[in-house]
Amino acid sequence: MPTDHRLGTFEQLLLLALVRLGHTYGVPIRDDIEARTGRTVSPGAIYTALDRLERRGLVRSSMGEPSAARGGKRKRLYRLTATGSAAIARVHGQVADMARGLKPKLGTP
């Protein structure tokens, strides 16, 4: 498993959504990102990135129970791993450190 856990912006958004939502599937992750960023995200982009994050050991997936509402189909559920949690905590801290004290310079309240 790679030890390099650099995260792109979209990967950060996915991991932050998983922190917020917990064990969930792609649609709520997509809805959360769209609602909080105003960014339109395709389902394909969500699942491609989640698969990549799973290969890197940052998320883990499992199959949920079959649902009558889905015609007996099961949803793939995703959750953050300890490694993923540590990676997003590190990035969040770095961004917070870089942003500290910038509000006056950015003209924001």
N, C-alpha and C. Protein backbone atom coordinates (compact mmCIF):
# COMPACT_ATOMS: atom_id res chain seq x y z
N MET A 1 0.84 -1.18 0.00
CA MET A 1 0.00 0.00 0.00
C MET A 1 0.89 1.24 0.00
N PRO A 2 0.61 2.24 -0.86
CA PRO A 2 1.44 3.43 -0.92
C PRO A 2 1.37 4.22 0.38
N THR A 3 2.48 4.85 0.75
CA THR A 3 2.47 5.67 1.96
C THR A 3 2.29 7.14 1.61
N ASP A 4 2.31 7.50 0.36
CA ASP A 4 2.12 8.88 -0.07
C ASP A 4 0.62 9.15 -0.14
N HIS A 5 0.15 10.03 0.71
CA HIS A 5 -1.29 10.30 0.75
C HIS A 5 -1.59 11.75 0.40
N ARG A 6 -0.92 12.27 -0.63
CA ARG A 6 -1.26 13.59 -1.13
C ARG A 6 -2.66 13.51 -1.71
N LEU A 7 -3.43 14.55 -1.47
CA LEU A 7 -4.82 14.54 -1.89
C LEU A 7 -5.12 15.72 -2.79
N GLY A 8 -5.77 15.44 -3.93
CA GLY A 8 -6.26 16.51 -4.78
C GLY A 8 -7.49 17.15 -4.15
N THR A 9 -7.90 18.27 -4.70
CA THR A 9 -9.04 19.00 -4.16
C THR A 9 -10.31 18.14 -4.13
N PHE A 10 -10.59 17.45 -5.22
CA PHE A 10 -11.80 16.63 -5.27
C PHE A 10 -11.73 15.48 -4.27
N GLU A 11 -10.57 14.88 -4.13
CA GLU A 11 -10.41 13.81 -3.15
C GLU A 11 -10.62 14.35 -1.74
N GLN A 12 -10.15 15.55 -1.48
CA GLN A 12 -10.39 16.17 -0.17
C GLN A 12 -11.88 16.35 0.07
N LEU A 13 -12.61 16.82 -0.93
CA LEU A 13 -14.05 16.99 -0.79
C LEU A 13 -14.74 15.67 -0.48
N LEU A 14 -14.34 14.61 -1.17
CA LEU A 14 -14.93 13.28 -0.91
C LEU A 14 -14.67 12.83 0.52
N LEU A 15 -13.43 12.97 0.97
CA LEU A 15 -13.09 12.52 2.32
C LEU A 15 -13.80 13.37 3.37
N LEU A 16 -13.89 14.68 3.14
CA LEU A 16 -14.62 15.53 4.08
C LEU A 16 -16.10 15.16 4.14
N ALA A 17 -16.68 14.83 2.99
CA ALA A 17 -18.08 14.39 2.98
C ALA A 17 -18.23 13.09 3.78
N LEU A 18 -17.27 12.18 3.65
CA LEU A 18 -17.34 10.93 4.42
C LEU A 18 -17.17 11.18 5.92
N VAL A 19 -16.34 12.15 6.29
CA VAL A 19 -16.22 12.50 7.71
C VAL A 19 -17.60 12.95 8.21
N ARG A 20 -18.24 13.81 7.43
CA ARG A 20 -19.53 14.38 7.82
C ARG A 20 -20.64 13.33 7.82
N LEU A 21 -20.68 12.47 6.81
CA LEU A 21 -21.81 11.56 6.61
C LEU A 21 -21.61 10.18 7.23
N GLY A 22 -20.38 9.77 7.43
CA GLY A 22 -20.14 8.43 7.95
C GLY A 22 -20.28 7.38 6.87
N HIS A 23 -20.73 6.21 7.25
CA HIS A 23 -20.86 5.05 6.36
C HIS A 23 -22.04 5.28 5.42
N THR A 24 -21.77 5.56 4.15
CA THR A 24 -22.84 5.93 3.23
C THR A 24 -22.48 5.54 1.80
N TYR A 25 -23.36 5.84 0.88
CA TYR A 25 -23.14 5.50 -0.52
C TYR A 25 -22.96 6.77 -1.35
N GLY A 26 -22.74 6.62 -2.63
CA GLY A 26 -22.34 7.71 -3.50
C GLY A 26 -23.30 8.88 -3.62
N VAL A 27 -24.60 8.62 -3.65
CA VAL A 27 -25.56 9.72 -3.87
C VAL A 27 -25.52 10.75 -2.74
N PRO A 28 -25.57 10.36 -1.46
CA PRO A 28 -25.47 11.38 -0.41
C PRO A 28 -24.12 12.11 -0.42
N ILE A 29 -23.06 11.42 -0.81
CA ILE A 29 -21.75 12.07 -0.91
C ILE A 29 -21.82 13.15 -1.99
N ARG A 30 -22.34 12.80 -3.13
CA ARG A 30 -22.49 13.74 -4.24
C ARG A 30 -23.38 14.92 -3.83
N ASP A 31 -24.51 14.63 -3.20
CA ASP A 31 -25.43 15.69 -2.77
C ASP A 31 -24.76 16.64 -1.79
N ASP A 32 -23.98 16.10 -0.86
CA ASP A 32 -23.29 16.92 0.13
C ASP A 32 -22.28 17.85 -0.54
N ILE A 33 -21.49 17.30 -1.44
CA ILE A 33 -20.49 18.12 -2.14
C ILE A 33 -21.17 19.20 -2.96
N GLU A 34 -22.22 18.85 -3.69
CA GLU A 34 -22.91 19.83 -4.52
C GLU A 34 -23.55 20.92 -3.67
N ALA A 35 -24.18 20.54 -2.54
CA ALA A 35 -24.85 21.51 -1.68
C ALA A 35 -23.86 22.47 -1.02
N ARG A 36 -22.70 21.97 -0.66
CA ARG A 36 -21.73 22.80 0.07
C ARG A 36 -20.79 23.58 -0.83
N THR A 37 -20.60 23.14 -2.06
CA THR A 37 -19.64 23.82 -2.94
C THR A 37 -20.30 24.51 -4.13
N GLY A 38 -21.53 24.12 -4.46
CA GLY A 38 -22.17 24.65 -5.65
C GLY A 38 -21.63 24.03 -6.93
N ARG A 39 -20.80 23.04 -6.76
CA ARG A 39 -20.14 22.37 -7.89
C ARG A 39 -21.00 21.18 -8.33
N THR A 40 -21.26 21.06 -9.63
CA THR A 40 -21.98 19.91 -10.16
C THR A 40 -21.00 18.77 -10.33
N VAL A 41 -21.38 17.60 -9.80
CA VAL A 41 -20.49 16.45 -9.82
C VAL A 41 -21.21 15.27 -10.47
N SER A 42 -20.57 14.63 -11.42
CA SER A 42 -21.18 13.47 -12.07
C SER A 42 -21.02 12.24 -11.18
N PRO A 43 -21.99 11.33 -11.25
CA PRO A 43 -21.85 10.09 -10.48
C PRO A 43 -20.58 9.34 -10.85
N GLY A 44 -20.22 9.35 -12.12
CA GLY A 44 -19.01 8.65 -12.55
C GLY A 44 -17.76 9.19 -11.87
N ALA A 45 -17.70 10.51 -11.71
CA ALA A 45 -16.54 11.12 -11.05
C ALA A 45 -16.47 10.68 -9.59
N ILE A 46 -17.62 10.62 -8.93
CA ILE A 46 -17.66 10.19 -7.52
C ILE A 46 -17.12 8.77 -7.40
N TYR A 47 -17.67 7.85 -8.18
CA TYR A 47 -17.29 6.45 -8.02
C TYR A 47 -15.87 6.16 -8.50
N THR A 48 -15.42 6.85 -9.53
CA THR A 48 -14.04 6.68 -9.98
C THR A 48 -13.07 7.12 -8.89
N ALA A 49 -13.34 8.28 -8.29
CA ALA A 49 -12.46 8.79 -7.23
C ALA A 49 -12.55 7.91 -5.98
N LEU A 50 -13.74 7.43 -5.62
CA LEU A 50 -13.87 6.54 -4.46
C LEU A 50 -13.09 5.25 -4.68
N ASP A 51 -13.15 4.71 -5.88
CA ASP A 51 -12.38 3.50 -6.19
C ASP A 51 -10.88 3.76 -6.04
N ARG A 52 -10.43 4.91 -6.53
CA ARG A 52 -9.02 5.27 -6.43
C ARG A 52 -8.62 5.43 -4.95
N LEU A 53 -9.48 6.07 -4.16
CA LEU A 53 -9.20 6.23 -2.74
C LEU A 53 -9.20 4.89 -2.01
N GLU A 54 -10.03 3.98 -2.46
CA GLU A 54 -10.05 2.65 -1.85
C GLU A 54 -8.76 1.90 -2.17
N ARG A 55 -8.30 1.98 -3.39
CA ARG A 55 -7.03 1.32 -3.76
C ARG A 55 -5.87 1.88 -2.95
N ARG A 56 -5.96 3.15 -2.57
CA ARG A 56 -4.91 3.79 -1.77
C ARG A 56 -5.08 3.52 -0.27
N GLY A 57 -6.15 2.84 0.11
CA GLY A 57 -6.36 2.50 1.51
C GLY A 57 -6.97 3.61 2.35
N LEU A 58 -7.54 4.64 1.71
CA LEU A 58 -8.10 5.77 2.43
C LEU A 58 -9.58 5.60 2.73
N VAL A 59 -10.26 4.80 1.92
CA VAL A 59 -11.66 4.44 2.19
C VAL A 59 -11.80 2.93 2.02
N ARG A 60 -12.85 2.41 2.57
CA ARG A 60 -13.17 0.99 2.42
C ARG A 60 -14.63 0.91 2.01
N SER A 61 -14.95 -0.04 1.16
CA SER A 61 -16.34 -0.20 0.74
C SER A 61 -16.83 -1.60 1.11
N SER A 62 -18.15 -1.68 1.22
CA SER A 62 -18.82 -2.95 1.46
C SER A 62 -20.19 -2.87 0.81
N MET A 63 -20.78 -4.02 0.60
CA MET A 63 -22.11 -4.04 0.00
C MET A 63 -23.17 -4.01 1.09
N GLY A 64 -24.16 -3.12 0.92
CA GLY A 64 -25.27 -3.03 1.85
C GLY A 64 -26.27 -4.15 1.60
N GLU A 65 -27.32 -4.12 2.37
CA GLU A 65 -28.38 -5.13 2.22
C GLU A 65 -29.21 -4.84 0.97
N PRO A 66 -29.79 -5.88 0.35
CA PRO A 66 -30.67 -5.67 -0.80
C PRO A 66 -31.87 -4.82 -0.38
N SER A 67 -32.34 -4.00 -1.30
CA SER A 67 -33.46 -3.10 -1.01
C SER A 67 -34.59 -3.35 -1.99
N ALA A 68 -35.80 -3.50 -1.46
CA ALA A 68 -36.97 -3.69 -2.32
C ALA A 68 -37.17 -2.45 -3.20
N ALA A 69 -36.89 -1.28 -2.66
CA ALA A 69 -37.04 -0.04 -3.41
C ALA A 69 -36.09 0.01 -4.60
N ARG A 70 -35.01 -0.75 -4.53
CA ARG A 70 -34.03 -0.80 -5.62
C ARG A 70 -34.15 -2.11 -6.41
N GLY A 71 -35.29 -2.78 -6.30
CA GLY A 71 -35.49 -4.02 -7.05
C GLY A 71 -34.58 -5.14 -6.59
N GLY A 72 -34.25 -5.16 -5.29
CA GLY A 72 -33.40 -6.20 -4.74
C GLY A 72 -31.91 -5.92 -4.89
N LYS A 73 -31.57 -4.78 -5.49
CA LYS A 73 -30.16 -4.45 -5.66
C LYS A 73 -29.56 -3.94 -4.36
N ARG A 74 -28.25 -4.13 -4.24
CA ARG A 74 -27.52 -3.67 -3.05
C ARG A 74 -26.71 -2.42 -3.39
N LYS A 75 -26.56 -1.54 -2.42
CA LYS A 75 -25.74 -0.35 -2.60
C LYS A 75 -24.33 -0.63 -2.09
N ARG A 76 -23.36 -0.03 -2.75
CA ARG A 76 -21.99 -0.09 -2.25
C ARG A 76 -21.83 1.07 -1.27
N LEU A 77 -21.48 0.73 -0.04
CA LEU A 77 -21.32 1.71 1.03
C LEU A 77 -19.84 1.99 1.25
N TYR A 78 -19.53 3.24 1.54
CA TYR A 78 -18.14 3.66 1.73
C TYR A 78 -17.97 4.24 3.12
N ARG A 79 -16.77 4.02 3.66
CA ARG A 79 -16.43 4.63 4.94
C ARG A 79 -14.95 4.97 4.93
N LEU A 80 -14.62 5.95 5.73
CA LEU A 80 -13.24 6.38 5.86
C LEU A 80 -12.46 5.36 6.68
N THR A 81 -11.24 5.08 6.29
CA THR A 81 -10.36 4.23 7.10
C THR A 81 -9.58 5.12 8.06
N ALA A 82 -8.87 4.51 8.99
CA ALA A 82 -8.03 5.28 9.91
C ALA A 82 -6.97 6.05 9.12
N THR A 83 -6.43 5.43 8.08
CA THR A 83 -5.44 6.09 7.24
C THR A 83 -6.06 7.28 6.51
N GLY A 84 -7.27 7.11 6.01
CA GLY A 84 -7.97 8.21 5.34
C GLY A 84 -8.28 9.34 6.30
N SER A 85 -8.69 8.98 7.50
CA SER A 85 -8.99 10.00 8.52
C SER A 85 -7.73 10.81 8.86
N ALA A 86 -6.61 10.12 9.01
CA ALA A 86 -5.35 10.81 9.31
C ALA A 86 -4.94 11.70 8.15
N ALA A 87 -5.13 11.23 6.92
CA ALA A 87 -4.75 12.02 5.74
C ALA A 87 -5.57 13.29 5.63
N ILE A 88 -6.89 13.20 5.83
CA ILE A 88 -7.72 14.39 5.69
C ILE A 88 -7.52 15.33 6.88
N ALA A 89 -7.23 14.79 8.05
CA ALA A 89 -6.93 15.65 9.21
C ALA A 89 -5.64 16.43 8.96
N ARG A 90 -4.65 15.78 8.37
CA ARG A 90 -3.38 16.45 8.06
C ARG A 90 -3.59 17.57 7.07
N VAL A 91 -4.32 17.30 6.00
CA VAL A 91 -4.57 18.31 4.97
C VAL A 91 -5.40 19.46 5.55
N HIS A 92 -6.41 19.13 6.32
CA HIS A 92 -7.26 20.16 6.93
C HIS A 92 -6.41 21.08 7.80
N GLY A 93 -5.52 20.51 8.58
CA GLY A 93 -4.63 21.30 9.43
C GLY A 93 -3.71 22.19 8.62
N GLN A 94 -3.19 21.67 7.52
CA GLN A 94 -2.31 22.46 6.66
C GLN A 94 -3.05 23.64 6.05
N VAL A 95 -4.26 23.40 5.57
CA VAL A 95 -5.05 24.48 4.97
C VAL A 95 -5.41 25.52 6.04
N ALA A 96 -5.80 25.06 7.23
CA ALA A 96 -6.12 25.99 8.32
C ALA A 96 -4.91 26.83 8.68
N ASP A 97 -3.73 26.22 8.74
CA ASP A 97 -2.51 26.96 9.04
C ASP A 97 -2.22 28.02 7.96
N MET A 98 -2.38 27.64 6.72
CA MET A 98 -2.13 28.58 5.62
C MET A 98 -3.14 29.73 5.62
N ALA A 99 -4.38 29.45 6.00
CA ALA A 99 -5.45 30.46 5.95
C ALA A 99 -5.47 31.36 7.18
N ARG A 100 -4.83 30.95 8.26
CA ARG A 100 -4.86 31.72 9.49
C ARG A 100 -4.39 33.15 9.26
N GLY A 101 -5.24 34.11 9.68
CA GLY A 101 -4.90 35.51 9.58
C GLY A 101 -5.15 36.16 8.22
N LEU A 102 -5.72 35.46 7.29
CA LEU A 102 -5.91 36.01 5.93
C LEU A 102 -7.22 36.74 5.73
N LYS A 103 -8.20 36.59 6.63
CA LYS A 103 -9.50 37.23 6.42
C LYS A 103 -9.36 38.72 6.12
N PRO A 104 -8.59 39.49 6.89
CA PRO A 104 -8.48 40.92 6.58
C PRO A 104 -7.87 41.18 5.19
N LYS A 105 -6.95 40.36 4.80
CA LYS A 105 -6.30 40.55 3.49
C LYS A 105 -7.21 40.15 2.34
N LEU A 106 -8.16 39.26 2.63
CA LEU A 106 -9.10 38.81 1.59
C LEU A 106 -10.35 39.68 1.54
N GLY A 107 -10.49 40.58 2.52
CA GLY A 107 -11.66 41.44 2.57
C GLY A 107 -12.92 40.73 2.98
N THR A 108 -12.77 39.66 3.77
CA THR A 108 -13.94 38.91 4.26
C THR A 108 -14.12 39.16 5.74
N PRO A 109 -15.36 39.11 6.21
CA PRO A 109 -15.62 39.35 7.65
C PRO A 109 -15.07 38.27 8.55
